[in-house]
Structure formats: C-alpha cells, structure tokens
Amino acid sequence: MGYVKRMTMPLGVMFIVSCSGSQPPPPAKTVFDPLTQELDRAREVQKTVDEKAAKTRQAIENQARGDAP
C-alpha cells in the first residue's frame, strides 16, 4: 500500500507536465479572415484620409486668419 501512495504523486505530476505544451497552437484560420483583413485595411485608409482632412482643414483656418503658410 505504501508503494501506491508514493507513486501517485509523481505519476500525477508527470501526467500534467506531459500534457502541457511549450507553445500554444496557432489560431485556426476561419472563413472570416479575408473579411477582417479587408476591414483592417479600410480602417487604415480611413485613418489616412482623416489625417489629410485635418491637415487641410488646419491649413484653411490658418489662411483665413492670415497666418503665414
């Protein structure tokens, strides 16, 4: 009976260690990946357009106040 008690803990630890992987598996590709990539690209384009619009708006305001360009 003492032998079973002594082997239970190391066997449990070895089982847990053997089941844990060193690296998580890569995420599985889904049907929606191309769509999410397109949305990300569209957000980047919108960000660029917004930045250009803000610069143009600022230039117009500076010109209206008579500031030097």
C-alpha atoms as a PDB file:
ATOM      1  CA  MET A   1       0.000   0.000   0.000  1.00  0.00           C
ATOM      2  CA  GLY A   2       2.868   2.403   0.729  1.00  0.00           C
ATOM      3  CA  TYR A   3       4.193   1.904  -2.812  1.00  0.00           C
ATOM      4  CA  VAL A   4       0.910   3.121  -4.327  1.00  0.00           C
ATOM      5  CA  LYS A   5       0.920   6.253  -2.176  1.00  0.00           C
ATOM      6  CA  ARG A   6       4.497   7.078  -3.180  1.00  0.00           C
ATOM      7  CA  MET A   7       3.856   6.625  -6.912  1.00  0.00           C
ATOM      8  CA  THR A   8       0.569   8.503  -7.112  1.00  0.00           C
ATOM      9  CA  MET A   9       2.085  11.997  -6.761  1.00  0.00           C
ATOM     10  CA  PRO A  10       4.938  11.587  -9.274  1.00  0.00           C
ATOM     11  CA  LEU A  11       2.595   9.992 -11.806  1.00  0.00           C
ATOM     12  CA  GLY A  12       0.157  12.884 -11.459  1.00  0.00           C
ATOM     13  CA  VAL A  13       2.918  15.448 -11.885  1.00  0.00           C
ATOM     14  CA  MET A  14       4.326  13.638 -14.924  1.00  0.00           C
ATOM     15  CA  PHE A  15       0.857  13.500 -16.479  1.00  0.00           C
ATOM     16  CA  ILE A  16       0.320  17.238 -16.035  1.00  0.00           C
ATOM     17  CA  VAL A  17       3.780  18.099 -17.378  1.00  0.00           C
ATOM     18  CA  SER A  18       3.380  15.835 -20.401  1.00  0.00           C
ATOM     19  CA  CYS A  19       0.008  17.366 -21.293  1.00  0.00           C
ATOM     20  CA  SER A  20       1.189  20.956 -21.171  1.00  0.00           C
ATOM     21  CA  GLY A  21       2.727  22.145 -24.429  1.00  0.00           C
ATOM     22  CA  SER A  22       5.639  24.542 -24.710  1.00  0.00           C
ATOM     23  CA  GLN A  23       3.865  26.688 -27.320  1.00  0.00           C
ATOM     24  CA  PRO A  24       0.168  27.243 -27.816  1.00  0.00           C
ATOM     25  CA  PRO A  25      -1.206  26.002 -31.136  1.00  0.00           C
ATOM     26  CA  PRO A  26      -1.551  28.640 -33.852  1.00  0.00           C
ATOM     27  CA  PRO A  27      -5.035  30.088 -34.260  1.00  0.00           C
ATOM     28  CA  ALA A  28      -7.124  28.249 -36.802  1.00  0.00           C
ATOM     29  CA  LYS A  29      -7.989  30.111 -39.963  1.00  0.00           C
ATOM     30  CA  THR A  30     -11.640  30.843 -40.390  1.00  0.00           C
ATOM     31  CA  VAL A  31     -13.877  31.852 -43.249  1.00  0.00           C
ATOM     32  CA  PHE A  32     -13.933  35.405 -41.906  1.00  0.00           C
ATOM     33  CA  ASP A  33     -10.156  36.040 -42.066  1.00  0.00           C
ATOM     34  CA  PRO A  34     -10.235  37.675 -45.535  1.00  0.00           C
ATOM     35  CA  LEU A  35     -13.114  39.885 -44.431  1.00  0.00           C
ATOM     36  CA  THR A  36     -11.378  41.019 -41.260  1.00  0.00           C
ATOM     37  CA  GLN A  37      -8.225  41.773 -43.246  1.00  0.00           C
ATOM     38  CA  GLU A  38     -10.257  43.944 -45.609  1.00  0.00           C
ATOM     39  CA  LEU A  39     -11.814  45.756 -42.656  1.00  0.00           C
ATOM     40  CA  ASP A  40      -8.367  46.405 -41.160  1.00  0.00           C
ATOM     41  CA  ARG A  41      -7.147  47.831 -44.466  1.00  0.00           C
ATOM     42  CA  ALA A  42     -10.241  50.014 -44.728  1.00  0.00           C
ATOM     43  CA  ARG A  43      -9.657  51.358 -41.216  1.00  0.00           C
ATOM     44  CA  GLU A  44      -6.068  52.251 -42.117  1.00  0.00           C
ATOM     45  CA  VAL A  45      -7.225  54.054 -45.273  1.00  0.00           C
ATOM     46  CA  GLN A  46      -9.870  55.936 -43.284  1.00  0.00           C
ATOM     47  CA  LYS A  47      -7.232  56.948 -40.753  1.00  0.00           C
ATOM     48  CA  THR A  48      -5.048  58.331 -43.552  1.00  0.00           C
ATOM     49  CA  VAL A  49      -7.974  60.222 -45.087  1.00  0.00           C
ATOM     50  CA  ASP A  50      -8.914  61.700 -41.706  1.00  0.00           C
ATOM     51  CA  GLU A  51      -5.333  62.858 -41.105  1.00  0.00           C
ATOM     52  CA  LYS A  52      -5.165  64.528 -44.539  1.00  0.00           C
ATOM     53  CA  ALA A  53      -8.551  66.197 -43.955  1.00  0.00           C
ATOM     54  CA  ALA A  54      -7.381  67.540 -40.597  1.00  0.00           C
ATOM     55  CA  LYS A  55      -4.215  68.966 -42.184  1.00  0.00           C
ATOM     56  CA  THR A  56      -6.231  70.585 -44.970  1.00  0.00           C
ATOM     57  CA  ARG A  57      -8.734  71.996 -42.504  1.00  0.00           C
ATOM     58  CA  GLN A  58      -5.901  73.446 -40.407  1.00  0.00           C
ATOM     59  CA  ALA A  59      -4.276  74.993 -43.495  1.00  0.00           C
ATOM     60  CA  ILE A  60      -7.576  76.615 -44.493  1.00  0.00           C
ATOM     61  CA  GLU A  61      -8.059  78.012 -40.992  1.00  0.00           C
ATOM     62  CA  ASN A  62      -4.506  79.374 -40.946  1.00  0.00           C
ATOM     63  CA  GLN A  63      -5.016  81.012 -44.323  1.00  0.00           C
ATOM     64  CA  ALA A  64      -8.340  82.523 -43.233  1.00  0.00           C
ATOM     65  CA  ARG A  65      -6.649  84.086 -40.191  1.00  0.00           C
ATOM     66  CA  GLY A  66      -3.874  85.450 -42.395  1.00  0.00           C
ATOM     67  CA  ASP A  67      -1.120  83.349 -40.876  1.00  0.00           C
ATOM     68  CA  ALA A  68       1.950  82.570 -42.948  1.00  0.00           C
ATOM     69  CA  PRO A  69       1.896  79.131 -44.588  1.00  0.00           C
END
